[in-house]
Protein backbone atom coordinates (compact mmCIF):
# COMPACT_ATOMS: atom_id res chain seq x y z
CA MET A 1 332.16 51.61 95.92
CA LYS A 2 328.95 52.84 94.30
CA LYS A 3 330.92 54.38 91.38
CA LEU A 4 332.77 51.08 90.93
CA LEU A 5 329.54 49.09 90.88
CA THR A 6 328.03 51.56 88.40
CA ALA A 7 331.08 51.26 86.13
CA ILE A 8 330.87 47.45 86.25
CA LEU A 9 327.17 47.56 85.48
CA ILE A 10 327.77 49.86 82.49
CA ILE A 11 330.35 47.42 81.09
CA LEU A 12 327.99 44.48 81.59
CA ILE A 13 325.16 46.36 79.87
CA ILE A 14 327.27 47.19 76.85
CA SER A 15 328.72 43.67 76.68
CA SER A 16 325.26 42.15 76.72
CA VAL A 17 323.75 44.31 73.98
CA VAL A 18 326.32 44.06 71.19
CA PRO A 19 325.39 41.46 68.58
CA ALA A 20 327.69 38.45 68.53
CA SER A 21 328.19 38.96 64.81
CA TYR A 22 330.99 41.48 65.30
CA ALA A 23 334.06 41.33 67.51
CA SER A 24 335.43 44.02 69.82
CA ASP A 25 338.28 44.94 67.44
CA GLU A 26 336.08 44.95 64.34
CA GLU A 27 335.27 48.31 62.80
CA LEU A 28 331.67 49.36 63.31
CA THR A 29 329.30 50.35 60.56
CA ARG A 30 326.94 53.28 60.91
CA ALA A 31 324.00 50.94 61.57
CA GLU A 32 325.93 48.93 64.16
CA ALA A 33 326.97 52.11 65.95
CA LEU A 34 323.33 53.15 66.34
CA HIS A 35 322.55 49.67 67.65
CA VAL A 36 325.21 50.05 70.35
CA ILE A 37 323.99 53.53 71.37
CA LEU A 38 320.28 52.67 71.51
CA GLU A 39 320.90 49.44 73.42
CA PHE A 40 323.14 51.20 75.91
CA PHE A 41 320.36 53.63 76.76
CA GLY A 42 317.71 50.88 76.78
CA LEU A 43 315.98 52.14 73.64
CA PHE A 44 316.53 49.38 71.08
CA ASP A 45 313.29 47.56 71.93
CA TYR A 46 311.39 50.85 71.57
CA ALA A 47 313.10 51.37 68.22
CA GLN A 48 311.78 48.05 66.92
CA GLU A 49 308.25 49.39 67.34
CA THR A 50 308.96 52.30 65.00
CA GLU A 51 306.56 52.43 62.07
CA TYR A 52 308.51 52.06 58.83
CA LYS A 53 308.62 55.02 56.47
CA ASP A 54 310.36 55.21 53.13
CA MET A 55 312.85 57.87 54.22
CA PHE A 56 316.22 56.47 53.17
CA THR A 57 316.44 54.67 49.83
CA ASP A 58 319.24 52.43 51.14
CA VAL A 59 317.31 51.30 54.26
CA PRO A 60 314.61 48.84 53.15
CA GLU A 61 311.86 47.74 55.52
CA ASP A 62 313.43 44.30 56.04
CA TYR A 63 316.89 45.71 56.89
CA TRP A 64 317.94 44.43 60.34
CA ALA A 65 318.49 47.92 61.79
CA ALA A 66 315.70 49.78 59.98
CA GLY A 67 313.82 50.46 63.22
CA ALA A 68 316.95 51.71 64.98
CA ILE A 69 317.86 54.05 62.11
CA LEU A 70 314.39 55.58 61.83
CA TYR A 71 314.02 55.86 65.61
CA ALA A 72 317.41 57.58 65.86
CA TYR A 73 316.34 59.94 63.07
CA ASP A 74 313.15 60.84 64.98
CA MET A 75 315.25 61.51 68.11
CA GLY A 76 317.60 63.80 66.20
CA ILE A 77 320.61 61.50 66.64
CA THR A 78 321.17 61.19 62.89
CA VAL A 79 320.09 63.03 59.77
CA GLY A 80 321.62 60.62 57.26
CA THR A 81 324.54 61.22 54.94
CA SER A 82 322.28 63.03 52.48
CA ALA A 83 318.62 63.92 52.01
CA ASN A 84 317.65 60.35 51.12
CA LYS A 85 320.58 58.12 52.11
CA PHE A 86 321.91 56.76 55.39
CA GLU A 87 324.65 54.39 54.13
CA PRO A 88 324.11 51.90 56.97
CA ASP A 89 326.94 49.53 55.99
CA LEU A 90 329.60 52.23 55.73
CA ASN A 91 332.20 52.13 58.51
CA ILE A 92 331.66 54.98 60.98
CA THR A 93 334.38 57.47 61.86
CA VAL A 94 335.27 58.74 65.33
CA ALA A 95 333.75 62.13 64.52
CA GLU A 96 330.49 60.64 63.24
CA TYR A 97 330.12 58.32 66.22
CA ILE A 98 330.73 61.06 68.77
CA THR A 99 328.32 63.29 66.83
CA PHE A 100 325.58 60.67 67.29
CA ILE A 101 326.15 60.59 71.04
CA MET A 102 326.58 64.35 71.42
CA ARG A 103 323.29 65.01 69.63
CA TYR A 104 321.56 62.66 72.04
CA ALA A 105 323.32 64.07 75.11
CA ALA A 106 323.05 67.77 74.26
CA LEU A 107 319.64 67.60 72.57
CA ASP A 108 321.20 69.56 69.71
CA THR A 109 320.77 68.52 66.08
CA GLU A 110 323.09 71.33 64.96
CA ILE A 111 326.11 69.30 66.11
CA THR A 112 327.91 67.83 63.09
CA PRO A 113 331.11 65.81 62.50
CA GLU A 114 332.68 69.09 61.36
CA ASN A 115 331.98 71.01 64.60
CA VAL A 116 331.60 68.26 67.20
CA PHE A 117 335.09 68.78 68.61
CA GLU A 118 334.32 72.45 69.26
CA ASN A 119 331.45 71.54 71.60
CA TYR A 120 332.21 72.08 75.28
CA MET A 121 330.80 68.64 76.10
CA ILE A 122 333.79 67.01 74.42
CA ASN A 123 335.65 67.79 77.63
CA TYR A 124 333.59 65.16 79.43
CA ILE A 125 335.14 62.25 77.53
CA THR A 126 338.61 60.89 76.99
CA TYR A 127 339.76 58.78 74.07
CA GLU A 128 343.31 58.35 72.84
CA ASP A 129 342.38 58.87 69.19
CA ILE A 130 339.89 61.67 69.83
CA ASN A 131 341.68 64.04 67.45
CA GLU A 132 341.78 61.52 64.62
CA GLU A 133 338.25 62.34 63.64
CA SER A 134 338.42 60.61 60.25
CA LYS A 135 339.59 57.32 61.76
CA THR A 136 337.07 54.49 61.79
CA ILE A 137 335.99 53.18 65.17
CA SER A 138 336.00 49.69 66.66
CA LEU A 139 333.52 48.19 69.08
CA TYR A 140 336.16 48.39 71.82
CA ALA A 141 336.59 52.14 71.24
CA ALA A 142 332.82 52.62 71.02
CA ARG A 143 332.42 50.96 74.42
CA ASN A 144 335.19 53.11 75.85
CA ILE A 145 333.50 56.33 74.73
CA ILE A 146 329.86 55.61 75.50
CA GLY A 147 330.69 54.25 78.93
CA GLN A 148 331.64 57.77 79.99
CA TYR A 149 328.23 59.29 79.33
CA ASP A 150 326.70 58.82 82.78
CA TRP A 151 327.31 62.59 83.22
CA ILE A 152 324.11 63.07 81.19
CA ILE A 153 322.23 62.49 84.45
CA HIS A 154 323.72 65.62 85.96
CA SER A 155 322.57 67.78 83.05
CA ALA A 156 318.93 66.74 83.56
CA LEU A 157 316.38 68.06 86.04
CA GLU A 158 315.83 65.47 88.77
CA VAL A 159 312.13 64.73 89.07
CA ARG A 160 310.58 64.00 92.47
CA GLU A 161 307.58 61.94 93.42
CA HIS A 162 304.56 63.62 95.11
CA TYR A 163 305.55 66.95 93.58
CA THR A 164 304.61 68.93 90.48
CA ASN A 165 307.87 69.12 88.55
CA ILE A 166 308.16 72.17 86.32
CA ILE A 167 310.34 71.89 83.21
CA GLN A 168 310.51 73.57 79.82
CA VAL A 169 309.99 72.23 76.32
CA GLY A 170 313.29 70.84 75.06
CA GLU A 171 314.67 70.08 78.52
CA ARG A 172 315.62 66.64 79.78
CA ALA A 173 314.44 65.24 83.11
CA SER A 174 315.64 62.24 85.09
CA ILE A 175 313.89 59.96 87.56
CA SER A 176 316.28 58.32 90.00
CA LEU A 177 315.11 55.00 91.41
CA ASP A 178 316.28 54.02 94.89
CA GLU A 179 317.73 50.58 95.30
CA ILE A 180 315.57 47.98 97.02
CA GLU A 181 317.68 45.97 99.40
CA GLY A 182 318.30 42.42 98.28
CA LEU A 183 316.64 42.85 94.88
CA THR A 184 318.61 42.35 91.66
CA GLY A 185 317.48 42.49 88.05
CA TYR A 186 314.70 45.05 88.32
CA GLU A 187 312.02 45.05 85.66
CA TYR A 188 310.57 48.48 84.98
CA GLU A 189 307.52 49.47 82.99
CA VAL A 190 307.29 53.14 82.13
CA ASP A 191 303.94 54.65 81.17
CA ILE A 192 303.59 58.26 79.92
CA SER A 193 300.10 59.78 79.86
CA ASP A 194 300.77 61.78 76.68
CA LYS A 195 303.76 60.76 74.57
CA SER A 196 303.33 63.77 72.31
CA LEU A 197 304.37 65.98 75.25
CA LEU A 198 307.02 63.82 76.90
CA ARG A 199 309.33 61.24 75.32
CA TYR A 200 311.09 58.39 77.08
CA ASP A 201 314.74 59.13 76.39
CA GLY A 202 316.30 55.96 77.77
CA ARG A 203 317.98 54.87 80.96
CA LEU A 204 321.30 54.63 82.72
CA PRO A 205 321.94 52.10 85.49
CA ASP A 206 320.20 54.07 88.23
CA CYS A 207 317.79 56.44 86.48
CA HIS A 208 315.32 56.91 83.63
CA LEU A 209 315.61 59.85 81.24
CA PHE A 210 312.86 61.87 79.55
CA ARG A 211 312.65 64.84 77.18
CA ALA A 212 309.87 67.45 77.10
CA LEU A 213 308.39 67.87 73.61
CA GLY A 214 305.35 70.07 74.18
CA SER A 215 303.70 72.18 76.88
CA GLY A 216 301.00 70.92 79.22
CA LYS A 217 300.34 68.65 82.19
CA ILE A 218 301.53 65.07 82.17
CA THR A 219 301.89 62.06 84.47
CA VAL A 220 304.54 59.33 84.38
CA SER A 221 304.02 56.04 86.22
CA ILE A 222 306.82 53.54 86.76
CA THR A 223 306.02 50.04 87.95
CA ILE A 224 308.81 47.99 89.51
CA ALA A 225 308.97 44.20 89.80
CA ALA A 226 311.50 41.42 90.19
CA PRO A 227 311.84 39.10 87.17
CA GLY A 228 308.90 36.72 87.02
CA GLU A 229 307.36 38.10 90.21
CA GLU A 230 304.38 40.25 91.04
CA LEU A 231 304.46 44.04 91.11
CA LEU A 232 306.52 45.41 93.98
CA GLU A 233 305.43 49.03 93.76
CA GLU A 234 304.26 51.82 91.47
CA ARG A 235 305.63 55.34 91.50
CA ILE A 236 303.79 58.36 90.12
CA TYR A 237 305.46 61.55 88.87
CA ASP A 238 303.63 64.70 87.77
CA PHE A 239 305.09 67.13 85.22
CA TYR A 240 304.06 70.60 84.19
CA ILE A 241 305.84 71.44 80.95
CA LEU A 242 306.17 75.11 80.02
CA GLU A 243 306.83 76.61 76.63
CA GLU A 244 310.51 77.02 75.80
CA GLY A 245 311.94 80.19 77.27
CA LYS A 246 309.19 80.52 79.91
CA GLY A 247 309.34 79.88 83.62
CA GLU A 248 313.07 80.28 84.12
CA GLY A 249 312.99 80.79 87.85
CA VAL A 250 309.87 81.32 89.94
CA PHE A 251 308.51 84.78 90.70
CA GLY A 252 307.67 85.52 94.33
CA LEU A 253 304.47 87.50 94.87
CA ASP A 254 304.34 90.63 97.06
CA GLU A 255 300.98 91.81 98.39
CA SER A 256 302.24 95.38 98.89
CA GLU A 257 303.08 96.11 95.26
CA VAL A 258 302.02 95.44 91.66
CA ASN A 259 303.65 92.24 90.47
CA LYS A 260 304.66 92.32 86.78
CA ILE A 261 305.14 88.80 85.40
CA PRO A 262 305.55 87.67 81.75
CA ILE A 263 302.90 85.40 80.29
CA GLY A 264 303.74 81.71 80.55
CA CYS A 265 305.88 82.19 83.64
CA ILE A 266 305.55 80.77 87.13
CA ALA A 267 304.85 82.52 90.44
CA SER A 268 304.47 81.14 93.95
CA VAL A 269 303.57 82.15 97.50
CA GLU A 270 304.37 80.53 100.82
CA LEU A 271 301.72 81.02 103.51
CA GLU A 272 301.34 79.90 107.11
CA SER A 273 298.80 77.10 107.43
CA ASN A 274 297.65 74.27 109.66
CA GLN A 275 295.86 71.59 107.71
CA THR A 276 295.35 69.48 110.84
CA THR A 277 292.49 71.90 111.62
CA GLY A 278 290.85 71.27 108.27
CA TYR A 279 291.71 74.73 106.97
CA SER A 280 293.75 75.49 103.86
CA TRP A 281 294.31 78.29 101.35
CA GLU A 282 291.89 78.42 98.44
CA MET A 283 292.24 80.41 95.23
CA LEU A 284 289.17 82.26 93.95
CA PRO A 285 288.38 81.67 90.24
CA ASN A 286 290.65 83.61 87.88
CA ASP A 287 290.68 83.39 84.08
CA ASN A 288 294.22 84.78 83.79
CA ILE A 289 295.97 82.53 86.29
CA GLU A 290 296.02 78.77 86.82
CA LEU A 291 296.90 77.08 90.12
CA ILE A 292 299.22 74.23 89.09
CA GLN A 293 300.52 73.04 92.44
CA GLU A 294 299.47 72.95 96.10
CA ARG A 295 302.07 71.64 98.51
CA TYR A 296 301.87 71.51 102.30
CA ILE A 297 304.96 71.16 104.48
CA SER A 298 304.41 70.61 108.20
CA TYR A 299 306.85 71.91 110.77
CA ILE A 300 309.13 69.41 112.49
CA VAL A 301 308.03 69.04 116.13
CA GLU A 302 308.90 66.86 119.06
CA GLU A 303 307.44 63.36 119.08
CA GLY A 304 304.03 63.15 120.74
CA ILE A 305 302.93 66.70 119.88
CA ASP A 306 299.81 66.76 117.72
CA GLY A 307 298.28 69.52 115.65
CA SER A 308 301.48 71.17 114.45
CA GLY A 309 301.17 73.79 111.75
CA GLY A 310 303.20 74.31 108.63
CA VAL A 311 303.28 76.23 105.36
CA GLU A 312 301.40 75.90 102.10
CA ILE A 313 303.32 76.59 98.90
CA LEU A 314 301.01 77.53 96.05
CA THR A 315 302.38 77.69 92.52
CA PHE A 316 300.66 79.49 89.65
CA LEU A 317 300.96 79.74 85.86
CA MET A 318 300.41 83.11 84.18
CA LYS A 319 298.04 82.12 81.36
CA THR A 320 296.74 85.23 79.62
CA PRO A 321 297.94 88.87 79.56
CA GLY A 322 296.23 91.67 81.45
CA GLU A 323 295.69 93.17 84.91
CA THR A 324 294.16 90.85 87.49
CA GLU A 325 293.81 90.14 91.20
CA LEU A 326 294.89 86.83 92.66
CA VAL A 327 292.72 86.27 95.76
CA LEU A 328 293.54 83.57 98.32
CA LYS A 329 291.24 82.79 101.26
CA TYR A 330 291.95 80.60 104.30
CA VAL A 331 288.87 78.39 104.56
CA PRO A 332 287.90 74.96 105.94
CA GLY A 333 287.02 71.97 103.81
CA TRP A 334 283.35 72.34 104.79
CA GLU A 335 280.93 75.25 104.48
CA PRO A 336 282.78 78.16 106.14
CA GLU A 337 281.22 79.69 109.25
CA ASP A 338 283.42 82.78 109.10
CA GLU A 339 282.07 85.28 106.57
CA ASN A 340 285.38 87.17 106.59
CA PRO A 341 288.13 84.56 106.46
CA PRO A 342 291.79 85.60 106.34
CA GLU A 343 292.78 86.50 102.80
CA TYR A 344 295.64 87.75 100.64
CA ILE A 345 295.10 89.83 97.51
CA TYR A 346 297.91 90.14 94.96
CA ASN A 347 297.74 92.70 92.17
CA ILE A 348 299.32 91.23 89.05
CA ILE A 349 300.00 92.53 85.55
CA ILE A 350 300.69 89.68 83.14
CA THR A 351 302.79 91.05 80.30
CA GLU A 352 303.21 89.78 76.73
């Protein structure tokens, strides 16, 4: 049932975004195709805010789709038909249209109309004229193809609230929003603390998509409201974006040996703790290592039992190369009375 409702919603979205000026069996131009794609992913309004730049000689500032074309160029969806031309009113072929979508989906600007059908992602879609790459495409066919791209969600890292989400530059992340019973027509406002590090990459019916552009810490807030009503809730998501090629997997630390970890990678430890006593694990200052996440998980106990313990999961970023000691002490939130609190010492060599 949920898949059926999602499919219906996708059709309604596409039906509502296509300008009335062209019919479903009419061949799409290159500009119209971008309009359909950006509207489908909820990006057309963002595109209208794009600052005009004299990039394509055949796309003047007052052209109806100028914002969409320049926004799509910035996203890597299109590179134009030549160094200074886009040819917005030229009918688009099947190969060109699928190239636009594939570049968006795969985050790969190297995909071209000449090699698009060699990409493994082509297996995710079905279209009766898929092999007729030089054939022009109608609005009906465009709807048929783009409606199958909800699989993009599954290729993105799902981001969780109340958690430091670690992704790499160039990766896509998704935030799934739970349905609120009885509420239809959500209105969302997405705020990104630093848009130079993280870009809003659009939405599908039940999630928002983002792409990491640069390394660093970032926060995303999403406010949710019913049309014309006051704010229902706000959700906060924290990101830690690593340089491309770093942090693939998380290194576990072993106190009994020297831990060799490449610079820019992530390591973590899981330690017994009981924060109901006011105690927690504290990292001593270290110029080579940064603590980027502290997470406490309490044990599940029977109802009515107080003071249950749990585990603390501490996550670290290897910042600068060299030999160092990571020292963790179990101390209270006030001035410690114990001069020799429990501690763990990890010997680490951060390699280039």
